[in-house]
Amino acid sequence: MVRAGLTTERLARAGAELADEVGFDQVTVSAVARRFDVKVASLYSHVKNSQDLKTKIALLALEELADRASDALAGRAGKDALIALANVYRDYAREHPGRYAAAQLRLDPATAAASAGGRHAQMTRAILRGYDLTEPDQTHAVRLLGSVFHGYVTLELGGGFDHSAPDSQETWTRVLDGLDALLRNWPAA
């Protein structure tokens, strides 16, 4: 019997909030059940297990991130779009560290194909078309941007830039300047 008020979406949102509070790795069906003050068995009509719950949190995070990126990119092109996209990832990670971690969860191919992950790739490729990159360089550049955004944000969240000058914001700005310059002068193969 489905407990009134519990839905798969509510459980995913509660799991996402929990992930932001205690870390994505600490999210379990039991922990979410305690949040709703219900028995664990009450949740199994909505999620199969903790891994299924984590997948639903990851899908929620990817969707939220894609929505934010879409809003930020509207009407922008070139360097402005690149900076807007980068700032969406950084801001989301700072505001929702657990959800950001969830967005990195490895998904099975069918789930990944149905997720908002495709929207992320499409938006990044739309930015890169402004830099006149064609395949396979466009794919190389998509991977480069993802690596730089994720790497910088992960190091920053871990406090990796807390004890040295210049300020992290100054470095972030210079990193994005450097990416823009690289994309405008992409080396020939």
N, C-alpha and C. Protein backbone atom coordinates (compact mmCIF):
# COMPACT_ATOMS: atom_id res chain seq x y z
N MET A 1 0.85 -1.19 0.00
CA MET A 1 0.00 0.00 0.00
C MET A 1 0.89 1.24 0.00
N VAL A 2 0.59 2.19 -0.87
CA VAL A 2 1.37 3.42 -0.99
C VAL A 2 0.93 4.40 0.09
N ARG A 3 1.88 4.85 0.88
CA ARG A 3 1.59 5.80 1.94
C ARG A 3 1.23 7.15 1.33
N ALA A 4 0.18 7.76 1.85
CA ALA A 4 -0.29 9.05 1.33
C ALA A 4 0.82 10.08 1.39
N GLY A 5 0.98 10.83 0.32
CA GLY A 5 1.96 11.91 0.31
C GLY A 5 3.32 11.50 -0.19
N LEU A 6 3.62 10.23 -0.18
CA LEU A 6 4.92 9.79 -0.68
C LEU A 6 4.82 9.54 -2.18
N THR A 7 5.72 10.15 -2.90
CA THR A 7 5.82 9.92 -4.33
C THR A 7 7.29 9.72 -4.66
N THR A 8 7.55 9.18 -5.81
CA THR A 8 8.94 9.00 -6.23
C THR A 8 9.65 10.35 -6.29
N GLU A 9 8.95 11.37 -6.81
CA GLU A 9 9.57 12.69 -6.92
C GLU A 9 9.87 13.28 -5.54
N ARG A 10 8.94 13.13 -4.61
CA ARG A 10 9.19 13.65 -3.25
C ARG A 10 10.38 12.95 -2.61
N LEU A 11 10.50 11.66 -2.83
CA LEU A 11 11.63 10.92 -2.27
C LEU A 11 12.95 11.38 -2.90
N ALA A 12 12.93 11.59 -4.21
CA ALA A 12 14.15 12.06 -4.89
C ALA A 12 14.53 13.45 -4.38
N ARG A 13 13.55 14.32 -4.20
CA ARG A 13 13.84 15.68 -3.70
C ARG A 13 14.36 15.62 -2.26
N ALA A 14 13.74 14.78 -1.45
CA ALA A 14 14.22 14.64 -0.07
C ALA A 14 15.64 14.06 -0.05
N GLY A 15 15.89 13.11 -0.93
CA GLY A 15 17.23 12.55 -1.03
C GLY A 15 18.24 13.59 -1.49
N ALA A 16 17.83 14.45 -2.41
CA ALA A 16 18.72 15.52 -2.88
C ALA A 16 19.03 16.50 -1.76
N GLU A 17 18.02 16.86 -0.99
CA GLU A 17 18.26 17.77 0.14
C GLU A 17 19.21 17.12 1.15
N LEU A 18 18.98 15.85 1.40
CA LEU A 18 19.85 15.11 2.32
C LEU A 18 21.28 15.07 1.78
N ALA A 19 21.42 14.84 0.49
CA ALA A 19 22.75 14.79 -0.12
C ALA A 19 23.47 16.12 0.07
N ASP A 20 22.76 17.22 -0.07
CA ASP A 20 23.38 18.54 0.14
C ASP A 20 23.80 18.74 1.59
N GLU A 21 23.09 18.11 2.51
CA GLU A 21 23.37 18.29 3.93
C GLU A 21 24.50 17.38 4.43
N VAL A 22 24.47 16.11 4.00
CA VAL A 22 25.42 15.14 4.59
C VAL A 22 26.35 14.51 3.57
N GLY A 23 26.15 14.78 2.30
CA GLY A 23 26.98 14.18 1.26
C GLY A 23 26.23 13.09 0.52
N PHE A 24 26.44 13.04 -0.78
CA PHE A 24 25.72 12.10 -1.63
C PHE A 24 25.99 10.65 -1.22
N ASP A 25 27.22 10.37 -0.81
CA ASP A 25 27.57 9.00 -0.42
C ASP A 25 26.79 8.51 0.79
N GLN A 26 26.30 9.44 1.60
CA GLN A 26 25.60 9.05 2.84
C GLN A 26 24.10 8.85 2.63
N VAL A 27 23.60 9.09 1.44
CA VAL A 27 22.16 8.96 1.18
C VAL A 27 21.78 7.49 1.03
N THR A 28 20.82 7.08 1.82
CA THR A 28 20.29 5.71 1.75
C THR A 28 18.77 5.78 1.86
N VAL A 29 18.13 4.68 1.52
CA VAL A 29 16.67 4.61 1.67
C VAL A 29 16.31 4.76 3.16
N SER A 30 17.10 4.17 4.03
CA SER A 30 16.84 4.27 5.47
C SER A 30 16.90 5.72 5.94
N ALA A 31 17.90 6.45 5.47
CA ALA A 31 18.04 7.86 5.90
C ALA A 31 16.86 8.69 5.40
N VAL A 32 16.41 8.43 4.20
CA VAL A 32 15.25 9.18 3.67
C VAL A 32 13.99 8.79 4.42
N ALA A 33 13.86 7.52 4.77
CA ALA A 33 12.69 7.07 5.54
C ALA A 33 12.63 7.80 6.88
N ARG A 34 13.78 7.96 7.52
CA ARG A 34 13.81 8.68 8.81
C ARG A 34 13.35 10.13 8.62
N ARG A 35 13.68 10.73 7.49
CA ARG A 35 13.26 12.11 7.21
C ARG A 35 11.74 12.23 7.16
N PHE A 36 11.11 11.20 6.65
CA PHE A 36 9.65 11.22 6.53
C PHE A 36 8.99 10.56 7.75
N ASP A 37 9.82 10.07 8.66
CA ASP A 37 9.32 9.39 9.86
C ASP A 37 8.40 8.22 9.48
N VAL A 38 8.88 7.43 8.52
CA VAL A 38 8.13 6.24 8.08
C VAL A 38 9.08 5.05 8.09
N LYS A 39 8.52 3.88 8.00
CA LYS A 39 9.34 2.67 7.92
C LYS A 39 9.94 2.57 6.51
N VAL A 40 11.10 1.96 6.43
CA VAL A 40 11.80 1.80 5.16
C VAL A 40 10.91 1.11 4.13
N ALA A 41 10.15 0.12 4.58
CA ALA A 41 9.30 -0.64 3.66
C ALA A 41 8.29 0.27 2.95
N SER A 42 7.94 1.40 3.57
CA SER A 42 6.98 2.32 2.96
C SER A 42 7.52 2.94 1.66
N LEU A 43 8.85 2.95 1.51
CA LEU A 43 9.45 3.60 0.34
C LEU A 43 9.64 2.65 -0.84
N TYR A 44 9.55 1.35 -0.57
CA TYR A 44 9.89 0.40 -1.63
C TYR A 44 8.87 0.31 -2.75
N SER A 45 7.74 0.94 -2.61
CA SER A 45 6.82 0.99 -3.75
C SER A 45 7.22 2.14 -4.70
N HIS A 46 8.19 2.97 -4.27
CA HIS A 46 8.63 4.11 -5.08
C HIS A 46 10.08 3.96 -5.56
N VAL A 47 10.92 3.33 -4.74
CA VAL A 47 12.32 3.10 -5.11
C VAL A 47 12.68 1.66 -4.76
N LYS A 48 13.53 1.05 -5.59
CA LYS A 48 13.87 -0.36 -5.38
C LYS A 48 14.86 -0.55 -4.23
N ASN A 49 15.82 0.38 -4.15
CA ASN A 49 16.88 0.27 -3.16
C ASN A 49 17.64 1.62 -3.14
N SER A 50 18.71 1.67 -2.36
CA SER A 50 19.46 2.93 -2.25
C SER A 50 20.09 3.33 -3.58
N GLN A 51 20.54 2.36 -4.36
CA GLN A 51 21.13 2.70 -5.66
C GLN A 51 20.08 3.30 -6.59
N ASP A 52 18.89 2.77 -6.57
CA ASP A 52 17.80 3.32 -7.38
C ASP A 52 17.47 4.75 -6.92
N LEU A 53 17.45 4.96 -5.60
CA LEU A 53 17.22 6.31 -5.07
C LEU A 53 18.32 7.26 -5.55
N LYS A 54 19.56 6.82 -5.49
CA LYS A 54 20.67 7.67 -5.93
C LYS A 54 20.56 7.98 -7.42
N THR A 55 20.12 7.03 -8.20
CA THR A 55 19.93 7.28 -9.64
C THR A 55 18.86 8.36 -9.84
N LYS A 56 17.79 8.27 -9.07
CA LYS A 56 16.71 9.28 -9.20
C LYS A 56 17.20 10.66 -8.76
N ILE A 57 18.05 10.72 -7.75
CA ILE A 57 18.64 12.00 -7.33
C ILE A 57 19.56 12.53 -8.44
N ALA A 58 20.33 11.66 -9.05
CA ALA A 58 21.21 12.07 -10.14
C ALA A 58 20.40 12.64 -11.31
N LEU A 59 19.30 11.99 -11.65
CA LEU A 59 18.45 12.48 -12.75
C LEU A 59 17.85 13.84 -12.41
N LEU A 60 17.44 14.01 -11.17
CA LEU A 60 16.91 15.30 -10.72
C LEU A 60 17.99 16.38 -10.83
N ALA A 61 19.19 16.07 -10.37
CA ALA A 61 20.29 17.04 -10.41
C ALA A 61 20.64 17.41 -11.86
N LEU A 62 20.70 16.42 -12.73
CA LEU A 62 21.01 16.71 -14.14
C LEU A 62 19.94 17.61 -14.76
N GLU A 63 18.69 17.36 -14.40
CA GLU A 63 17.58 18.18 -14.93
C GLU A 63 17.67 19.62 -14.39
N GLU A 64 17.90 19.76 -13.09
CA GLU A 64 18.02 21.10 -12.52
C GLU A 64 19.17 21.87 -13.15
N LEU A 65 20.28 21.19 -13.29
CA LEU A 65 21.47 21.83 -13.88
C LEU A 65 21.23 22.22 -15.33
N ALA A 66 20.58 21.37 -16.08
CA ALA A 66 20.27 21.68 -17.49
C ALA A 66 19.31 22.86 -17.59
N ASP A 67 18.32 22.91 -16.69
CA ASP A 67 17.38 24.03 -16.71
C ASP A 67 18.09 25.35 -16.42
N ARG A 68 18.98 25.31 -15.43
CA ARG A 68 19.74 26.53 -15.10
C ARG A 68 20.63 26.95 -16.27
N ALA A 69 21.29 25.98 -16.88
CA ALA A 69 22.17 26.29 -18.01
C ALA A 69 21.36 26.86 -19.16
N SER A 70 20.22 26.28 -19.44
CA SER A 70 19.38 26.76 -20.54
C SER A 70 18.97 28.22 -20.30
N ASP A 71 18.55 28.52 -19.08
CA ASP A 71 18.18 29.90 -18.75
C ASP A 71 19.37 30.85 -18.89
N ALA A 72 20.53 30.41 -18.43
CA ALA A 72 21.72 31.27 -18.46
C ALA A 72 22.22 31.51 -19.88
N LEU A 73 22.03 30.55 -20.76
CA LEU A 73 22.55 30.65 -22.13
C LEU A 73 21.62 31.41 -23.07
N ALA A 74 20.38 31.59 -22.69
CA ALA A 74 19.42 32.25 -23.58
C ALA A 74 19.93 33.61 -24.03
N GLY A 75 20.05 33.78 -25.33
CA GLY A 75 20.47 35.06 -25.90
C GLY A 75 21.97 35.30 -25.86
N ARG A 76 22.76 34.34 -25.44
CA ARG A 76 24.22 34.54 -25.35
C ARG A 76 24.92 33.71 -26.42
N ALA A 77 26.12 34.14 -26.78
CA ALA A 77 26.94 33.40 -27.73
C ALA A 77 28.40 33.66 -27.40
N GLY A 78 29.28 32.84 -27.99
CA GLY A 78 30.72 33.03 -27.85
C GLY A 78 31.17 33.00 -26.40
N LYS A 79 32.07 33.92 -26.06
CA LYS A 79 32.66 33.94 -24.73
C LYS A 79 31.62 34.17 -23.64
N ASP A 80 30.62 35.01 -23.92
CA ASP A 80 29.56 35.25 -22.93
C ASP A 80 28.84 33.94 -22.58
N ALA A 81 28.58 33.14 -23.59
CA ALA A 81 27.90 31.86 -23.36
C ALA A 81 28.81 30.90 -22.61
N LEU A 82 30.08 30.87 -22.99
CA LEU A 82 31.04 30.00 -22.30
C LEU A 82 31.10 30.35 -20.81
N ILE A 83 31.22 31.61 -20.50
CA ILE A 83 31.29 32.05 -19.10
C ILE A 83 29.99 31.73 -18.37
N ALA A 84 28.86 31.96 -19.02
CA ALA A 84 27.57 31.69 -18.39
C ALA A 84 27.44 30.21 -18.05
N LEU A 85 27.81 29.34 -18.98
CA LEU A 85 27.72 27.90 -18.72
C LEU A 85 28.65 27.49 -17.59
N ALA A 86 29.88 27.98 -17.64
CA ALA A 86 30.85 27.63 -16.59
C ALA A 86 30.35 28.09 -15.23
N ASN A 87 29.80 29.29 -15.16
CA ASN A 87 29.32 29.80 -13.88
C ASN A 87 28.11 29.03 -13.36
N VAL A 88 27.28 28.52 -14.26
CA VAL A 88 26.15 27.70 -13.82
C VAL A 88 26.67 26.45 -13.10
N TYR A 89 27.65 25.78 -13.68
CA TYR A 89 28.20 24.58 -13.04
C TYR A 89 28.82 24.92 -11.69
N ARG A 90 29.61 25.97 -11.67
CA ARG A 90 30.30 26.35 -10.42
C ARG A 90 29.30 26.76 -9.33
N ASP A 91 28.34 27.59 -9.71
CA ASP A 91 27.35 28.05 -8.73
C ASP A 91 26.50 26.89 -8.20
N TYR A 92 26.10 26.01 -9.10
CA TYR A 92 25.28 24.86 -8.69
C TYR A 92 26.05 23.98 -7.70
N ALA A 93 27.32 23.75 -8.01
CA ALA A 93 28.14 22.92 -7.12
C ALA A 93 28.30 23.56 -5.75
N ARG A 94 28.43 24.88 -5.72
CA ARG A 94 28.57 25.57 -4.43
C ARG A 94 27.26 25.54 -3.64
N GLU A 95 26.14 25.73 -4.33
CA GLU A 95 24.84 25.76 -3.66
C GLU A 95 24.35 24.37 -3.28
N HIS A 96 24.66 23.40 -4.11
CA HIS A 96 24.14 22.03 -3.92
C HIS A 96 25.26 21.00 -4.10
N PRO A 97 26.19 20.96 -3.15
CA PRO A 97 27.33 20.03 -3.33
C PRO A 97 26.92 18.56 -3.44
N GLY A 98 25.89 18.17 -2.72
CA GLY A 98 25.44 16.78 -2.80
C GLY A 98 24.79 16.47 -4.14
N ARG A 99 23.98 17.39 -4.61
CA ARG A 99 23.34 17.19 -5.92
C ARG A 99 24.38 17.22 -7.02
N TYR A 100 25.36 18.13 -6.89
CA TYR A 100 26.43 18.18 -7.89
C TYR A 100 27.16 16.84 -7.94
N ALA A 101 27.46 16.28 -6.78
CA ALA A 101 28.09 14.96 -6.74
C ALA A 101 27.18 13.92 -7.39
N ALA A 102 25.88 14.02 -7.15
CA ALA A 102 24.93 13.08 -7.75
C ALA A 102 24.96 13.16 -9.28
N ALA A 103 25.13 14.36 -9.79
CA ALA A 103 25.14 14.55 -11.25
C ALA A 103 26.32 13.83 -11.90
N GLN A 104 27.31 13.42 -11.10
CA GLN A 104 28.49 12.71 -11.63
C GLN A 104 28.29 11.19 -11.59
N LEU A 105 27.18 10.74 -11.03
CA LEU A 105 26.94 9.30 -10.90
C LEU A 105 26.93 8.63 -12.28
N ARG A 106 27.64 7.53 -12.37
CA ARG A 106 27.66 6.78 -13.64
C ARG A 106 26.30 6.10 -13.82
N LEU A 107 25.65 6.38 -14.93
CA LEU A 107 24.33 5.82 -15.23
C LEU A 107 24.47 4.74 -16.29
N ASP A 108 23.54 3.79 -16.26
CA ASP A 108 23.57 2.78 -17.33
C ASP A 108 23.20 3.48 -18.64
N PRO A 109 23.59 2.91 -19.77
CA PRO A 109 23.39 3.60 -21.06
C PRO A 109 21.95 4.03 -21.33
N ALA A 110 20.98 3.20 -21.02
CA ALA A 110 19.58 3.55 -21.31
C ALA A 110 19.12 4.71 -20.42
N THR A 111 19.49 4.68 -19.15
CA THR A 111 19.11 5.77 -18.24
C THR A 111 19.81 7.05 -18.65
N ALA A 112 21.08 6.95 -19.00
CA ALA A 112 21.83 8.13 -19.42
C ALA A 112 21.22 8.75 -20.68
N ALA A 113 20.82 7.90 -21.62
CA ALA A 113 20.24 8.41 -22.87
C ALA A 113 18.92 9.13 -22.62
N ALA A 114 18.18 8.70 -21.61
CA ALA A 114 16.89 9.32 -21.31
C ALA A 114 17.02 10.50 -20.33
N SER A 115 18.22 10.76 -19.85
CA SER A 115 18.42 11.82 -18.85
C SER A 115 18.63 13.17 -19.53
N ALA A 116 18.81 14.19 -18.70
CA ALA A 116 19.10 15.54 -19.21
C ALA A 116 20.56 15.67 -19.64
N GLY A 117 21.33 14.61 -19.51
CA GLY A 117 22.72 14.65 -19.94
C GLY A 117 22.86 15.06 -21.40
N GLY A 118 21.95 14.59 -22.23
CA GLY A 118 21.97 14.98 -23.63
C GLY A 118 21.79 16.48 -23.83
N ARG A 119 20.96 17.09 -23.00
CA ARG A 119 20.77 18.55 -23.09
C ARG A 119 22.07 19.28 -22.77
N HIS A 120 22.81 18.76 -21.79
CA HIS A 120 24.10 19.39 -21.44
C HIS A 120 25.03 19.36 -22.65
N ALA A 121 25.11 18.21 -23.29
CA ALA A 121 25.99 18.08 -24.46
C ALA A 121 25.52 19.00 -25.59
N GLN A 122 24.21 19.06 -25.81
CA GLN A 122 23.68 19.92 -26.88
C GLN A 122 23.99 21.40 -26.62
N MET A 123 23.85 21.83 -25.37
CA MET A 123 24.14 23.24 -25.06
C MET A 123 25.62 23.54 -25.23
N THR A 124 26.46 22.61 -24.80
CA THR A 124 27.90 22.83 -24.95
C THR A 124 28.28 22.87 -26.42
N ARG A 125 27.70 21.97 -27.20
CA ARG A 125 28.00 21.97 -28.65
C ARG A 125 27.47 23.24 -29.33
N ALA A 126 26.37 23.76 -28.85
CA ALA A 126 25.85 25.01 -29.43
C ALA A 126 26.84 26.14 -29.17
N ILE A 127 27.43 26.18 -28.00
CA ILE A 127 28.45 27.20 -27.71
C ILE A 127 29.65 27.01 -28.64
N LEU A 128 30.06 25.78 -28.81
CA LEU A 128 31.26 25.51 -29.61
C LEU A 128 31.06 25.79 -31.09
N ARG A 129 29.84 25.72 -31.57
CA ARG A 129 29.61 26.08 -32.98
C ARG A 129 29.97 27.55 -33.21
N GLY A 130 29.85 28.36 -32.19
CA GLY A 130 30.25 29.77 -32.28
C GLY A 130 31.75 29.94 -32.41
N TYR A 131 32.49 28.89 -32.08
CA TYR A 131 33.95 28.94 -32.22
C TYR A 131 34.40 28.22 -33.49
N ASP A 132 33.45 27.84 -34.32
CA ASP A 132 33.73 27.18 -35.60
C ASP A 132 34.51 25.87 -35.45
N LEU A 133 34.21 25.13 -34.41
CA LEU A 133 34.84 23.82 -34.25
C LEU A 133 33.97 22.76 -34.90
N THR A 134 34.59 21.89 -35.66
CA THR A 134 33.88 20.79 -36.30
C THR A 134 34.37 19.48 -35.68
N GLU A 135 33.70 18.40 -36.01
CA GLU A 135 34.10 17.09 -35.48
C GLU A 135 35.41 16.62 -36.10
N PRO A 136 36.25 15.93 -35.38
CA PRO A 136 36.10 15.47 -34.01
C PRO A 136 36.56 16.49 -32.97
N ASP A 137 37.04 17.66 -33.43
CA ASP A 137 37.54 18.65 -32.47
C ASP A 137 36.44 19.14 -31.53
N GLN A 138 35.20 19.19 -32.01
CA GLN A 138 34.11 19.64 -31.15
C GLN A 138 33.96 18.68 -29.96
N THR A 139 34.05 17.39 -30.23
CA THR A 139 33.97 16.41 -29.14
C THR A 139 35.16 16.55 -28.19
N HIS A 140 36.34 16.78 -28.75
CA HIS A 140 37.51 16.99 -27.88
C HIS A 140 37.28 18.21 -26.98
N ALA A 141 36.70 19.25 -27.55
CA ALA A 141 36.47 20.48 -26.78
C ALA A 141 35.39 20.29 -25.72
N VAL A 142 34.34 19.52 -26.05
CA VAL A 142 33.29 19.22 -25.05
C VAL A 142 33.94 18.53 -23.85
N ARG A 143 34.80 17.57 -24.13
CA ARG A 143 35.46 16.83 -23.04
C ARG A 143 36.41 17.74 -22.27
N LEU A 144 37.10 18.63 -22.96
CA LEU A 144 38.00 19.57 -22.29
C LEU A 144 37.22 20.47 -21.34
N LEU A 145 36.13 21.04 -21.82
CA LEU A 145 35.35 21.96 -20.98
C LEU A 145 34.81 21.23 -19.75
N GLY A 146 34.27 20.03 -19.96
CA GLY A 146 33.76 19.26 -18.83
C GLY A 146 34.86 18.96 -17.82
N SER A 147 36.03 18.62 -18.32
CA SER A 147 37.16 18.31 -17.43
C SER A 147 37.60 19.54 -16.64
N VAL A 148 37.68 20.67 -17.30
CA VAL A 148 38.13 21.89 -16.61
C VAL A 148 37.08 22.34 -15.61
N PHE A 149 35.83 22.40 -16.03
CA PHE A 149 34.77 22.85 -15.10
C PHE A 149 34.72 21.94 -13.87
N HIS A 150 34.63 20.64 -14.11
CA HIS A 150 34.50 19.70 -13.00
C HIS A 150 35.76 19.68 -12.14
N GLY A 151 36.91 19.69 -12.77
CA GLY A 151 38.15 19.65 -12.00
C GLY A 151 38.31 20.88 -11.12
N TYR A 152 38.05 22.05 -11.68
CA TYR A 152 38.21 23.28 -10.91
C TYR A 152 37.22 23.31 -9.75
N VAL A 153 35.97 23.01 -10.06
CA VAL A 153 34.92 23.05 -9.03
C VAL A 153 35.21 22.04 -7.92
N THR A 154 35.65 20.86 -8.28
CA THR A 154 35.95 19.83 -7.28
C THR A 154 37.10 20.26 -6.37
N LEU A 155 38.16 20.80 -6.96
CA LEU A 155 39.28 21.28 -6.15
C LEU A 155 38.87 22.44 -5.26
N GLU A 156 38.07 23.35 -5.82
CA GLU A 156 37.63 24.51 -5.05
C GLU A 156 36.73 24.09 -3.88
N LEU A 157 35.79 23.17 -4.13
CA LEU A 157 34.91 22.71 -3.06
C LEU A 157 35.69 21.98 -1.97
N GLY A 158 36.76 21.35 -2.35
CA GLY A 158 37.58 20.64 -1.38
C GLY A 158 38.54 21.54 -0.63
N GLY A 159 38.49 22.84 -0.92
CA GLY A 159 39.35 23.79 -0.21
C GLY A 159 40.74 23.90 -0.81
N GLY A 160 40.93 23.38 -2.01
CA GLY A 160 42.24 23.36 -2.62
C GLY A 160 42.83 24.72 -2.94
N PHE A 161 42.00 25.77 -2.96
CA PHE A 161 42.52 27.10 -3.28
C PHE A 161 42.38 28.06 -2.11
N ASP A 162 42.10 27.52 -0.94
CA ASP A 162 41.81 28.37 0.22
C ASP A 162 43.05 29.04 0.83
N HIS A 163 44.21 28.50 0.60
CA HIS A 163 45.37 28.96 1.35
C HIS A 163 46.45 29.60 0.49
N SER A 164 46.06 30.08 -0.68
CA SER A 164 47.06 30.73 -1.52
C SER A 164 46.42 31.85 -2.32
N ALA A 165 47.23 32.84 -2.66
CA ALA A 165 46.78 33.94 -3.51
C ALA A 165 47.12 33.58 -4.95
N PRO A 166 46.43 34.16 -5.91
CA PRO A 166 45.34 35.11 -5.79
C PRO A 166 44.02 34.43 -5.42
N ASP A 167 43.02 35.24 -5.24
CA ASP A 167 41.68 34.75 -4.91
C ASP A 167 41.19 33.78 -5.99
N SER A 168 40.41 32.79 -5.58
CA SER A 168 39.92 31.77 -6.51
C SER A 168 39.09 32.38 -7.64
N GLN A 169 38.31 33.41 -7.35
CA GLN A 169 37.50 34.05 -8.39
C GLN A 169 38.39 34.63 -9.49
N GLU A 170 39.51 35.22 -9.07
CA GLU A 170 40.44 35.79 -10.06
C GLU A 170 40.99 34.68 -10.96
N THR A 171 41.35 33.56 -10.36
CA THR A 171 41.86 32.44 -11.16
C THR A 171 40.77 31.90 -12.08
N TRP A 172 39.55 31.77 -11.56
CA TRP A 172 38.43 31.26 -12.38
C TRP A 172 38.25 32.14 -13.62
N THR A 173 38.29 33.44 -13.41
CA THR A 173 38.14 34.37 -14.54
C THR A 173 39.26 34.17 -15.55
N ARG A 174 40.49 34.01 -15.08
CA ARG A 174 41.62 33.82 -16.00
C ARG A 174 41.54 32.46 -16.71
N VAL A 175 41.07 31.46 -16.00
CA VAL A 175 40.90 30.13 -16.62
C VAL A 175 39.91 30.23 -17.78
N LEU A 176 38.80 30.95 -17.55
CA LEU A 176 37.79 31.08 -18.61
C LEU A 176 38.33 31.93 -19.76
N ASP A 177 39.13 32.95 -19.44
CA ASP A 177 39.80 33.72 -20.51
C ASP A 177 40.68 32.79 -21.34
N GLY A 178 41.41 31.93 -20.65
CA GLY A 178 42.30 31.00 -21.34
C GLY A 178 41.55 30.00 -22.20
N LEU A 179 40.42 29.50 -21.70
CA LEU A 179 39.61 28.58 -22.50
C LEU A 179 39.08 29.26 -23.75
N ASP A 180 38.61 30.48 -23.58
CA ASP A 180 38.10 31.23 -24.73
C ASP A 180 39.20 31.40 -25.78
N ALA A 181 40.38 31.78 -25.34
CA ALA A 181 41.50 31.96 -26.28
C ALA A 181 41.85 30.65 -26.98
N LEU A 182 41.85 29.56 -26.23
CA LEU A 182 42.15 28.25 -26.82
C LEU A 182 41.10 27.87 -27.85
N LEU A 183 39.84 28.07 -27.51
CA LEU A 183 38.76 27.70 -28.44
C LEU A 183 38.81 28.55 -29.71
N ARG A 184 39.22 29.80 -29.60
CA ARG A 184 39.33 30.65 -30.79
C ARG A 184 40.53 30.29 -31.64
N ASN A 185 41.51 29.62 -31.04
CA ASN A 185 42.76 29.26 -31.74
C ASN A 185 43.03 27.77 -31.60
N TRP A 186 42.01 26.98 -31.82
CA TRP A 186 42.13 25.52 -31.63
C TRP A 186 43.22 24.98 -32.55
N PRO A 187 44.15 24.21 -32.01
CA PRO A 187 45.26 23.74 -32.85
C PRO A 187 44.79 22.71 -33.89
N ALA A 188 45.41 22.80 -35.05
CA ALA A 188 45.11 21.82 -36.10
C ALA A 188 45.69 20.47 -35.69
N ALA A 189 45.03 19.42 -36.11
CA ALA A 189 45.51 18.06 -35.77
C ALA A 189 46.77 17.73 -36.54
